[in-house]
Amino acid sequence: MATATLPASFSWTALGLATLALVFALFNIWLAFGRPLYLSWRHPQFEHRHVSGIPVVGNVIAVMAVIVGSGTLGTSLLALLAILVDIGGLPWFVIFTWRDQTLWEPR
């Protein structure tokens, strides 16, 4: 049985997409935790307003990377890392709202 191999361009494209998803994840972490800490340290009187970042975009790019890369190990691991780290993504939405009864109770 012959195994299908991807052209090198698809592998590099998928790896680039997974890396981009990780960049979005790190940007969301910075906006959620790093920016408020920095502003409270540098400007204590500054009134912090919540910044949402770019939610879900990193997850969509990570899924696209896995599809383009046809599930190659390196791309899949990098995309999984991006999904787990991206606090603006869908898994974290469920984690943050798990105990919120207004979302999960039938009306």
PDB file of N, CA and C in Angstrom:
ATOM      1  N   MET A   1       0.838  -1.167   0.000  1.00  0.00           N
ATOM      2  CA  MET A   1       0.000   0.000   0.000  1.00  0.00           C
ATOM      3  C   MET A   1       0.890   1.240   0.000  1.00  0.00           C
ATOM      4  N   ALA A   2       0.642   2.118  -0.922  1.00  0.00           N
ATOM      5  CA  ALA A   2       1.452   3.325  -1.039  1.00  0.00           C
ATOM      6  C   ALA A   2       0.903   4.398  -0.108  1.00  0.00           C
ATOM      7  N   THR A   3       1.806   5.120   0.506  1.00  0.00           N
ATOM      8  CA  THR A   3       1.383   6.226   1.361  1.00  0.00           C
ATOM      9  C   THR A   3       1.536   7.522   0.593  1.00  0.00           C
ATOM     10  N   ALA A   4       0.589   8.384   0.780  1.00  0.00           N
ATOM     11  CA  ALA A   4       0.625   9.676   0.099  1.00  0.00           C
ATOM     12  C   ALA A   4       1.512  10.628   0.898  1.00  0.00           C
ATOM     13  N   THR A   5       2.388  11.297   0.204  1.00  0.00           N
ATOM     14  CA  THR A   5       3.224  12.302   0.853  1.00  0.00           C
ATOM     15  C   THR A   5       2.823  13.677   0.342  1.00  0.00           C
ATOM     16  N   LEU A   6       2.945  14.628   1.212  1.00  0.00           N
ATOM     17  CA  LEU A   6       2.605  15.995   0.841  1.00  0.00           C
ATOM     18  C   LEU A   6       3.755  16.656   0.119  1.00  0.00           C
ATOM     19  N   PRO A   7       3.454  17.535  -0.819  1.00  0.00           N
ATOM     20  CA  PRO A   7       4.521  18.348  -1.387  1.00  0.00           C
ATOM     21  C   PRO A   7       5.122  19.237  -0.297  1.00  0.00           C
ATOM     22  N   ALA A   8       6.358  19.588  -0.471  1.00  0.00           N
ATOM     23  CA  ALA A   8       7.053  20.385   0.539  1.00  0.00           C
ATOM     24  C   ALA A   8       6.372  21.731   0.766  1.00  0.00           C
ATOM     25  N   SER A   9       5.757  22.292  -0.273  1.00  0.00           N
ATOM     26  CA  SER A   9       5.107  23.599  -0.112  1.00  0.00           C
ATOM     27  C   SER A   9       3.928  23.518   0.854  1.00  0.00           C
ATOM     28  N   PHE A  10       3.172  22.410   0.830  1.00  0.00           N
ATOM     29  CA  PHE A  10       2.058  22.256   1.766  1.00  0.00           C
ATOM     30  C   PHE A  10       2.562  22.124   3.195  1.00  0.00           C
ATOM     31  N   SER A  11       3.661  21.415   3.388  1.00  0.00           N
ATOM     32  CA  SER A  11       4.203  21.254   4.737  1.00  0.00           C
ATOM     33  C   SER A  11       4.655  22.591   5.303  1.00  0.00           C
ATOM     34  N   TRP A  12       5.346  23.379   4.498  1.00  0.00           N
ATOM     35  CA  TRP A  12       5.811  24.677   4.973  1.00  0.00           C
ATOM     36  C   TRP A  12       4.653  25.636   5.180  1.00  0.00           C
ATOM     37  N   THR A  13       3.659  25.575   4.321  1.00  0.00           N
ATOM     38  CA  THR A  13       2.481  26.423   4.483  1.00  0.00           C
ATOM     39  C   THR A  13       1.745  26.077   5.766  1.00  0.00           C
ATOM     40  N   ALA A  14       1.577  24.796   6.028  1.00  0.00           N
ATOM     41  CA  ALA A  14       0.888  24.360   7.241  1.00  0.00           C
ATOM     42  C   ALA A  14       1.670  24.757   8.484  1.00  0.00           C
ATOM     43  N   LEU A  15       2.982  24.619   8.435  1.00  0.00           N
ATOM     44  CA  LEU A  15       3.810  25.023   9.567  1.00  0.00           C
ATOM     45  C   LEU A  15       3.745  26.529   9.784  1.00  0.00           C
ATOM     46  N   GLY A  16       3.713  27.278   8.699  1.00  0.00           N
ATOM     47  CA  GLY A  16       3.571  28.735   8.808  1.00  0.00           C
ATOM     48  C   GLY A  16       2.227  29.133   9.399  1.00  0.00           C
ATOM     49  N   LEU A  17       1.157  28.449   8.990  1.00  0.00           N
ATOM     50  CA  LEU A  17      -0.157  28.736   9.560  1.00  0.00           C
ATOM     51  C   LEU A  17      -0.207  28.395  11.046  1.00  0.00           C
ATOM     52  N   ALA A  18       0.383  27.269  11.428  1.00  0.00           N
ATOM     53  CA  ALA A  18       0.406  26.886  12.845  1.00  0.00           C
ATOM     54  C   ALA A  18       1.221  27.894  13.657  1.00  0.00           C
ATOM     55  N   THR A  19       2.310  28.385  13.097  1.00  0.00           N
ATOM     56  CA  THR A  19       3.107  29.399  13.777  1.00  0.00           C
ATOM     57  C   THR A  19       2.321  30.698  13.914  1.00  0.00           C
ATOM     58  N   LEU A  20       1.588  31.071  12.873  1.00  0.00           N
ATOM     59  CA  LEU A  20       0.747  32.267  12.933  1.00  0.00           C
ATOM     60  C   LEU A  20      -0.334  32.112  14.001  1.00  0.00           C
ATOM     61  N   ALA A  21      -0.908  30.930  14.117  1.00  0.00           N
ATOM     62  CA  ALA A  21      -1.903  30.680  15.167  1.00  0.00           C
ATOM     63  C   ALA A  21      -1.278  30.841  16.545  1.00  0.00           C
ATOM     64  N   LEU A  22      -0.042  30.397  16.704  1.00  0.00           N
ATOM     65  CA  LEU A  22       0.653  30.554  17.984  1.00  0.00           C
ATOM     66  C   LEU A  22       0.953  32.026  18.270  1.00  0.00           C
ATOM     67  N   VAL A  23       1.262  32.799  17.240  1.00  0.00           N
ATOM     68  CA  VAL A  23       1.485  34.242  17.421  1.00  0.00           C
ATOM     69  C   VAL A  23       0.198  34.921  17.898  1.00  0.00           C
ATOM     70  N   PHE A  24      -0.951  34.560  17.305  1.00  0.00           N
ATOM     71  CA  PHE A  24      -2.229  35.099  17.759  1.00  0.00           C
ATOM     72  C   PHE A  24      -2.496  34.707  19.209  1.00  0.00           C
ATOM     73  N   ALA A  25      -2.164  33.480  19.575  1.00  0.00           N
ATOM     74  CA  ALA A  25      -2.367  33.014  20.949  1.00  0.00           C
ATOM     75  C   ALA A  25      -1.514  33.814  21.923  1.00  0.00           C
ATOM     76  N   LEU A  26      -0.263  34.037  21.580  1.00  0.00           N
ATOM     77  CA  LEU A  26       0.614  34.814  22.456  1.00  0.00           C
ATOM     78  C   LEU A  26       0.165  36.273  22.546  1.00  0.00           C
ATOM     79  N   PHE A  27      -0.354  36.811  21.453  1.00  0.00           N
ATOM     80  CA  PHE A  27      -0.880  38.174  21.460  1.00  0.00           C
ATOM     81  C   PHE A  27      -2.082  38.275  22.390  1.00  0.00           C
ATOM     82  N   ASN A  28      -2.964  37.276  22.356  1.00  0.00           N
ATOM     83  CA  ASN A  28      -4.119  37.277  23.250  1.00  0.00           C
ATOM     84  C   ASN A  28      -3.695  37.163  24.707  1.00  0.00           C
ATOM     85  N   ILE A  29      -2.663  36.361  24.985  1.00  0.00           N
ATOM     86  CA  ILE A  29      -2.154  36.262  26.353  1.00  0.00           C
ATOM     87  C   ILE A  29      -1.591  37.610  26.802  1.00  0.00           C
ATOM     88  N   TRP A  30      -0.864  38.279  25.921  1.00  0.00           N
ATOM     89  CA  TRP A  30      -0.316  39.588  26.262  1.00  0.00           C
ATOM     90  C   TRP A  30      -1.438  40.578  26.581  1.00  0.00           C
ATOM     91  N   LEU A  31      -2.492  40.594  25.758  1.00  0.00           N
ATOM     92  CA  LEU A  31      -3.579  41.528  25.998  1.00  0.00           C
ATOM     93  C   LEU A  31      -4.350  41.200  27.274  1.00  0.00           C
ATOM     94  N   ALA A  32      -4.441  39.922  27.616  1.00  0.00           N
ATOM     95  CA  ALA A  32      -5.215  39.526  28.791  1.00  0.00           C
ATOM     96  C   ALA A  32      -4.435  39.696  30.088  1.00  0.00           C
ATOM     97  N   PHE A  33      -3.143  39.376  30.088  1.00  0.00           N
ATOM     98  CA  PHE A  33      -2.373  39.373  31.331  1.00  0.00           C
ATOM     99  C   PHE A  33      -1.204  40.359  31.320  1.00  0.00           C
ATOM    100  N   GLY A  34      -0.434  40.389  30.256  1.00  0.00           N
ATOM    101  CA  GLY A  34       0.767  41.214  30.214  1.00  0.00           C
ATOM    102  C   GLY A  34       0.478  42.697  30.197  1.00  0.00           C
ATOM    103  N   ARG A  35      -0.445  43.119  29.363  1.00  0.00           N
ATOM    104  CA  ARG A  35      -0.778  44.537  29.240  1.00  0.00           C
ATOM    105  C   ARG A  35      -1.328  45.109  30.539  1.00  0.00           C
ATOM    106  N   PRO A  36      -2.295  44.446  31.207  1.00  0.00           N
ATOM    107  CA  PRO A  36      -2.769  45.010  32.482  1.00  0.00           C
ATOM    108  C   PRO A  36      -1.677  45.085  33.544  1.00  0.00           C
ATOM    109  N   LEU A  37      -0.814  44.075  33.604  1.00  0.00           N
ATOM    110  CA  LEU A  37       0.276  44.128  34.577  1.00  0.00           C
ATOM    111  C   LEU A  37       1.246  45.259  34.265  1.00  0.00           C
ATOM    112  N   TYR A  38       1.571  45.406  32.993  1.00  0.00           N
ATOM    113  CA  TYR A  38       2.478  46.480  32.584  1.00  0.00           C
ATOM    114  C   TYR A  38       1.878  47.847  32.895  1.00  0.00           C
ATOM    115  N   LEU A  39       0.594  48.038  32.559  1.00  0.00           N
ATOM    116  CA  LEU A  39      -0.033  49.338  32.791  1.00  0.00           C
ATOM    117  C   LEU A  39      -0.170  49.643  34.276  1.00  0.00           C
ATOM    118  N   SER A  40      -0.458  48.634  35.091  1.00  0.00           N
ATOM    119  CA  SER A  40      -0.569  48.887  36.530  1.00  0.00           C
ATOM    120  C   SER A  40       0.801  49.183  37.144  1.00  0.00           C
ATOM    121  N   TRP A  41       1.848  48.659  36.546  1.00  0.00           N
ATOM    122  CA  TRP A  41       3.204  48.911  37.044  1.00  0.00           C
ATOM    123  C   TRP A  41       3.701  50.292  36.605  1.00  0.00           C
ATOM    124  N   ARG A  42       3.509  50.617  35.331  1.00  0.00           N
ATOM    125  CA  ARG A  42       4.029  51.868  34.793  1.00  0.00           C
ATOM    126  C   ARG A  42       3.122  53.067  35.067  1.00  0.00           C
ATOM    127  N   HIS A  43       1.816  52.848  35.045  1.00  0.00           N
ATOM    128  CA  HIS A  43       0.843  53.935  35.209  1.00  0.00           C
ATOM    129  C   HIS A  43      -0.200  53.507  36.236  1.00  0.00           C
ATOM    130  N   PRO A  44       0.102  53.630  37.518  1.00  0.00           N
ATOM    131  CA  PRO A  44      -0.831  53.152  38.544  1.00  0.00           C
ATOM    132  C   PRO A  44      -2.183  53.859  38.532  1.00  0.00           C
ATOM    133  N   GLN A  45      -2.246  55.102  38.083  1.00  0.00           N
ATOM    134  CA  GLN A  45      -3.516  55.835  38.070  1.00  0.00           C
ATOM    135  C   GLN A  45      -4.338  55.547  36.816  1.00  0.00           C
ATOM    136  N   PHE A  46      -3.763  54.848  35.860  1.00  0.00           N
ATOM    137  CA  PHE A  46      -4.445  54.565  34.600  1.00  0.00           C
ATOM    138  C   PHE A  46      -5.606  53.606  34.832  1.00  0.00           C
ATOM    139  N   GLU A  47      -6.778  53.979  34.321  1.00  0.00           N
ATOM    140  CA  GLU A  47      -7.937  53.111  34.455  1.00  0.00           C
ATOM    141  C   GLU A  47      -7.893  52.062  33.341  1.00  0.00           C
ATOM    142  N   HIS A  48      -7.771  50.824  33.749  1.00  0.00           N
ATOM    143  CA  HIS A  48      -7.649  49.737  32.770  1.00  0.00           C
ATOM    144  C   HIS A  48      -9.009  49.377  32.203  1.00  0.00           C
ATOM    145  N   ARG A  49      -9.086  49.324  30.902  1.00  0.00           N
ATOM    146  CA  ARG A  49     -10.294  48.844  30.227  1.00  0.00           C
ATOM    147  C   ARG A  49      -9.953  47.486  29.623  1.00  0.00           C
ATOM    148  N   HIS A  50     -10.918  46.613  29.648  1.00  0.00           N
ATOM    149  CA  HIS A  50     -10.688  45.265  29.133  1.00  0.00           C
ATOM    150  C   HIS A  50     -10.537  45.298  27.617  1.00  0.00           C
ATOM    151  N   VAL A  51      -9.554  44.583  27.142  1.00  0.00           N
ATOM    152  CA  VAL A  51      -9.297  44.469  25.715  1.00  0.00           C
ATOM    153  C   VAL A  51      -9.467  43.004  25.348  1.00  0.00           C
ATOM    154  N   SER A  52     -10.311  42.731  24.370  1.00  0.00           N
ATOM    155  CA  SER A  52     -10.647  41.340  24.080  1.00  0.00           C
ATOM    156  C   SER A  52      -9.629  40.646  23.196  1.00  0.00           C
ATOM    157  N   GLY A  53      -8.787  41.359  22.522  1.00  0.00           N
ATOM    158  CA  GLY A  53      -7.844  40.703  21.627  1.00  0.00           C
ATOM    159  C   GLY A  53      -8.526  40.264  20.346  1.00  0.00           C
ATOM    160  N   ILE A  54      -8.092  39.134  19.853  1.00  0.00           N
ATOM    161  CA  ILE A  54      -8.646  38.605  18.607  1.00  0.00           C
ATOM    162  C   ILE A  54      -9.135  37.185  18.899  1.00  0.00           C
ATOM    163  N   PRO A  55     -10.332  37.043  19.468  1.00  0.00           N
ATOM    164  CA  PRO A  55     -10.791  35.713  19.850  1.00  0.00           C
ATOM    165  C   PRO A  55     -11.120  34.841  18.639  1.00  0.00           C
ATOM    166  N   VAL A  56     -10.914  33.587  18.770  1.00  0.00           N
ATOM    167  CA  VAL A  56     -11.272  32.511  17.842  1.00  0.00           C
ATOM    168  C   VAL A  56     -10.429  32.507  16.568  1.00  0.00           C
ATOM    169  N   VAL A  57      -9.830  33.609  16.189  1.00  0.00           N
ATOM    170  CA  VAL A  57      -9.055  33.658  14.942  1.00  0.00           C
ATOM    171  C   VAL A  57      -7.887  32.666  14.996  1.00  0.00           C
ATOM    172  N   GLY A  58      -7.194  32.603  16.117  1.00  0.00           N
ATOM    173  CA  GLY A  58      -6.082  31.666  16.261  1.00  0.00           C
ATOM    174  C   GLY A  58      -6.525  30.224  16.140  1.00  0.00           C
ATOM    175  N   ASN A  59      -7.702  29.901  16.699  1.00  0.00           N
ATOM    176  CA  ASN A  59      -8.220  28.545  16.583  1.00  0.00           C
ATOM    177  C   ASN A  59      -8.555  28.187  15.142  1.00  0.00           C
ATOM    178  N   VAL A  60      -9.147  29.118  14.424  1.00  0.00           N
ATOM    179  CA  VAL A  60      -9.493  28.862  13.023  1.00  0.00           C
ATOM    180  C   VAL A  60      -8.230  28.657  12.191  1.00  0.00           C
ATOM    181  N   ILE A  61      -7.217  29.467  12.419  1.00  0.00           N
ATOM    182  CA  ILE A  61      -5.959  29.314  11.687  1.00  0.00           C
ATOM    183  C   ILE A  61      -5.281  27.992  12.037  1.00  0.00           C
ATOM    184  N   ALA A  62      -5.349  27.578  13.309  1.00  0.00           N
ATOM    185  CA  ALA A  62      -4.759  26.302  13.714  1.00  0.00           C
ATOM    186  C   ALA A  62      -5.460  25.125  13.031  1.00  0.00           C
ATOM    187  N   VAL A  63      -6.769  25.185  12.937  1.00  0.00           N
ATOM    188  CA  VAL A  63      -7.509  24.122  12.244  1.00  0.00           C
ATOM    189  C   VAL A  63      -7.156  24.118  10.758  1.00  0.00           C
ATOM    190  N   MET A  64      -7.022  25.296  10.162  1.00  0.00           N
ATOM    191  CA  MET A  64      -6.612  25.365   8.757  1.00  0.00           C
ATOM    192  C   MET A  64      -5.224  24.765   8.568  1.00  0.00           C
ATOM    193  N   ALA A  65      -4.324  24.980   9.516  1.00  0.00           N
ATOM    194  CA  ALA A  65      -2.975  24.422   9.422  1.00  0.00           C
ATOM    195  C   ALA A  65      -3.012  22.900   9.444  1.00  0.00           C
ATOM    196  N   VAL A  66      -3.839  22.333  10.299  1.00  0.00           N
ATOM    197  CA  VAL A  66      -3.936  20.870  10.361  1.00  0.00           C
ATOM    198  C   VAL A  66      -4.545  20.314   9.074  1.00  0.00           C
ATOM    199  N   ILE A  67      -5.523  21.008   8.528  1.00  0.00           N
ATOM    200  CA  ILE A  67      -6.142  20.550   7.275  1.00  0.00           C
ATOM    201  C   ILE A  67      -5.146  20.632   6.121  1.00  0.00           C
ATOM    202  N   VAL A  68      -4.447  21.751   6.003  1.00  0.00           N
ATOM    203  CA  VAL A  68      -3.474  21.918   4.916  1.00  0.00           C
ATOM    204  C   VAL A  68      -2.329  20.925   5.065  1.00  0.00           C
ATOM    205  N   GLY A  69      -1.890  20.697   6.297  1.00  0.00           N
ATOM    206  CA  GLY A  69      -0.779  19.788   6.545  1.00  0.00           C
ATOM    207  C   GLY A  69      -1.175  18.337   6.602  1.00  0.00           C
ATOM    208  N   SER A  70      -2.458  18.052   6.436  1.00  0.00           N
ATOM    209  CA  SER A  70      -2.985  16.685   6.479  1.00  0.00           C
ATOM    210  C   SER A  70      -2.573  15.945   7.745  1.00  0.00           C
ATOM    211  N   GLY A  71      -2.514  16.663   8.844  1.00  0.00           N
ATOM    212  CA  GLY A  71      -2.256  16.034  10.129  1.00  0.00           C
ATOM    213  C   GLY A  71      -0.830  15.598  10.359  1.00  0.00           C
ATOM    214  N   THR A  72       0.147  16.238   9.737  1.00  0.00           N
ATOM    215  CA  THR A  72       1.535  15.882  10.013  1.00  0.00           C
ATOM    216  C   THR A  72       1.835  16.178  11.484  1.00  0.00           C
ATOM    217  N   LEU A  73       2.748  15.427  12.054  1.00  0.00           N
ATOM    218  CA  LEU A  73       2.982  15.467  13.490  1.00  0.00           C
ATOM    219  C   LEU A  73       3.427  16.846  13.979  1.00  0.00           C
ATOM    220  N   GLY A  74       4.407  17.449  13.334  1.00  0.00           N
ATOM    221  CA  GLY A  74       4.913  18.743  13.778  1.00  0.00           C
ATOM    222  C   GLY A  74       3.861  19.828  13.703  1.00  0.00           C
ATOM    223  N   THR A  75       3.134  19.860  12.596  1.00  0.00           N
ATOM    224  CA  THR A  75       2.085  20.857  12.436  1.00  0.00           C
ATOM    225  C   THR A  75       0.964  20.635  13.441  1.00  0.00           C
ATOM    226  N   SER A  76       0.587  19.385  13.651  1.00  0.00           N
ATOM    227  CA  SER A  76      -0.492  19.085  14.586  1.00  0.00           C
ATOM    228  C   SER A  76      -0.112  19.461  16.011  1.00  0.00           C
ATOM    229  N   LEU A  77       1.113  19.180  16.416  1.00  0.00           N
ATOM    230  CA  LEU A  77       1.542  19.524  17.770  1.00  0.00           C
ATOM    231  C   LEU A  77       1.604  21.033  17.970  1.00  0.00           C
ATOM    232  N   LEU A  78       2.108  21.743  16.974  1.00  0.00           N
ATOM    233  CA  LEU A  78       2.179  23.203  17.080  1.00  0.00           C
ATOM    234  C   LEU A  78       0.778  23.816  17.095  1.00  0.00           C
ATOM    235  N   ALA A  79      -0.118  23.275  16.287  1.00  0.00           N
ATOM    236  CA  ALA A  79      -1.494  23.769  16.262  1.00  0.00           C
ATOM    237  C   ALA A  79      -2.202  23.454  17.583  1.00  0.00           C
ATOM    238  N   LEU A  80      -1.958  22.274  18.148  1.00  0.00           N
ATOM    239  CA  LEU A  80      -2.546  21.929  19.442  1.00  0.00           C
ATOM    240  C   LEU A  80      -2.034  22.858  20.537  1.00  0.00           C
ATOM    241  N   LEU A  81      -0.753  23.153  20.513  1.00  0.00           N
ATOM    242  CA  LEU A  81      -0.183  24.095  21.477  1.00  0.00           C
ATOM    243  C   LEU A  81      -0.834  25.465  21.336  1.00  0.00           C
ATOM    244  N   ALA A  82      -1.037  25.903  20.101  1.00  0.00           N
ATOM    245  CA  ALA A  82      -1.667  27.206  19.865  1.00  0.00           C
ATOM    246  C   ALA A  82      -3.097  27.220  20.387  1.00  0.00           C
ATOM    247  N   ILE A  83      -3.833  26.131  20.195  1.00  0.00           N
ATOM    248  CA  ILE A  83      -5.218  26.070  20.671  1.00  0.00           C
ATOM    249  C   ILE A  83      -5.268  26.054  22.194  1.00  0.00           C
ATOM    250  N   LEU A  84      -4.356  25.330  22.824  1.00  0.00           N
ATOM    251  CA  LEU A  84      -4.360  25.256  24.283  1.00  0.00           C
ATOM    252  C   LEU A  84      -3.919  26.562  24.934  1.00  0.00           C
ATOM    253  N   VAL A  85      -3.022  27.286  24.291  1.00  0.00           N
ATOM    254  CA  VAL A  85      -2.486  28.520  24.865  1.00  0.00           C
ATOM    255  C   VAL A  85      -3.393  29.715  24.580  1.00  0.00           C
ATOM    256  N   ASP A  86      -4.157  29.671  23.513  1.00  0.00           N
ATOM    257  CA  ASP A  86      -4.972  30.813  23.100  1.00  0.00           C
ATOM    258  C   ASP A  86      -6.180  30.963  24.024  1.00  0.00           C
ATOM    259  N   ILE A  87      -6.114  31.921  24.944  1.00  0.00           N
ATOM    260  CA  ILE A  87      -7.196  32.082  25.903  1.00  0.00           C
ATOM    261  C   ILE A  87      -8.415  32.766  25.302  1.00  0.00           C
ATOM    262  N   GLY A  88      -8.335  33.182  24.057  1.00  0.00           N
ATOM    263  CA  GLY A  88      -9.489  33.741  23.371  1.00  0.00           C
ATOM    264  C   GLY A  88     -10.206  32.705  22.531  1.00  0.00           C
ATOM    265  N   GLY A  89      -9.782  31.445  22.624  1.00  0.00           N
ATOM    266  CA  GLY A  89     -10.341  30.403  21.780  1.00  0.00           C
ATOM    267  C   GLY A  89     -11.532  29.688  22.386  1.00  0.00           C
ATOM    268  N   LEU A  90     -12.063  28.762  21.625  1.00  0.00           N
ATOM    269  CA  LEU A  90     -13.264  28.047  22.032  1.00  0.00           C
ATOM    270  C   LEU A  90     -13.092  27.169  23.272  1.00  0.00           C
ATOM    271  N   PRO A  91     -11.987  26.434  23.436  1.00  0.00           N
ATOM    272  CA  PRO A  91     -11.867  25.641  24.674  1.00  0.00           C
ATOM    273  C   PRO A  91     -11.875  26.503  25.930  1.00  0.00           C
ATOM    274  N   TRP A  92     -11.255  27.667  25.870  1.00  0.00           N
ATOM    275  CA  TRP A  92     -11.213  28.535  27.043  1.00  0.00           C
ATOM    276  C   TRP A  92     -12.552  29.195  27.303  1.00  0.00           C
ATOM    277  N   PHE A  93     -13.359  29.387  26.275  1.00  0.00           N
ATOM    278  CA  PHE A  93     -14.711  29.902  26.489  1.00  0.00           C
ATOM    279  C   PHE A  93     -15.502  28.932  27.366  1.00  0.00           C
ATOM    280  N   VAL A  94     -15.389  27.654  27.069  1.00  0.00           N
ATOM    281  CA  VAL A  94     -16.089  26.651  27.872  1.00  0.00           C
ATOM    282  C   VAL A  94     -15.537  26.623  29.297  1.00  0.00           C
ATOM    283  N   ILE A  95     -14.220  26.698  29.438  1.00  0.00           N
ATOM    284  CA  ILE A  95     -13.610  26.666  30.774  1.00  0.00           C
ATOM    285  C   ILE A  95     -14.037  27.876  31.600  1.00  0.00           C
ATOM    286  N   PHE A  96     -14.024  29.062  31.006  1.00  0.00           N
ATOM    287  CA  PHE A  96     -14.365  30.272  31.753  1.00  0.00           C
ATOM    288  C   PHE A  96     -15.850  30.363  32.087  1.00  0.00           C
ATOM    289  N   THR A  97     -16.704  29.738  31.301  1.00  0.00           N
ATOM    290  CA  THR A  97     -18.150  29.853  31.527  1.00  0.00           C
ATOM    291  C   THR A  97     -18.761  28.571  32.081  1.00  0.00           C
ATOM    292  N   TRP A  98     -17.960  27.643  32.516  1.00  0.00           N
ATOM    293  CA  TRP A  98     -18.462  26.337  32.952  1.00  0.00           C
ATOM    294  C   TRP A  98     -19.466  26.456  34.090  1.00  0.00           C
ATOM    295  N   ARG A  99     -19.222  27.317  35.046  1.00  0.00           N
ATOM    296  CA  ARG A  99     -20.102  27.438  36.215  1.00  0.00           C
ATOM    297  C   ARG A  99     -21.142  28.548  36.074  1.00  0.00           C
ATOM    298  N   ASP A 100     -21.209  29.168  34.931  1.00  0.00           N
ATOM    299  CA  ASP A 100     -22.193  30.215  34.710  1.00  0.00           C
ATOM    300  C   ASP A 100     -23.534  29.569  34.355  1.00  0.00           C
ATOM    301  N   GLN A 101     -24.447  29.573  35.297  1.00  0.00           N
ATOM    302  CA  GLN A 101     -25.725  28.872  35.126  1.00  0.00           C
ATOM    303  C   GLN A 101     -26.592  29.493  34.034  1.00  0.00           C
ATOM    304  N   THR A 102     -26.428  30.784  33.754  1.00  0.00           N
ATOM    305  CA  THR A 102     -27.267  31.410  32.750  1.00  0.00           C
ATOM    306  C   THR A 102     -26.991  30.887  31.345  1.00  0.00           C
ATOM    307  N   LEU A 103     -25.804  30.348  31.107  1.00  0.00           N
ATOM    308  CA  LEU A 103     -25.499  29.834  29.781  1.00  0.00           C
ATOM    309  C   LEU A 103     -25.907  28.376  29.601  1.00  0.00           C
ATOM    310  N   TRP A 104     -25.911  27.592  30.671  1.00  0.00           N
ATOM    311  CA  TRP A 104     -26.090  26.160  30.530  1.00  0.00           C
ATOM    312  C   TRP A 104     -27.445  25.638  30.988  1.00  0.00           C
ATOM    313  N   GLU A 105     -28.196  26.433  31.731  1.00  0.00           N
ATOM    314  CA  GLU A 105     -29.512  25.997  32.206  1.00  0.00           C
ATOM    315  C   GLU A 105     -30.561  26.185  31.125  1.00  0.00           C
ATOM    316  N   PRO A 106     -31.443  25.208  30.941  1.00  0.00           N
ATOM    317  CA  PRO A 106     -32.547  25.420  29.988  1.00  0.00           C
ATOM    318  C   PRO A 106     -33.522  26.441  30.552  1.00  0.00           C
ATOM    319  N   ARG A 107     -34.119  27.192  29.681  1.00  0.00           N
ATOM    320  CA  ARG A 107     -35.044  28.260  30.131  1.00  0.00           C
ATOM    321  C   ARG A 107     -36.460  27.786  30.111  1.00  0.00           C
TER     322      ARG A 107
END
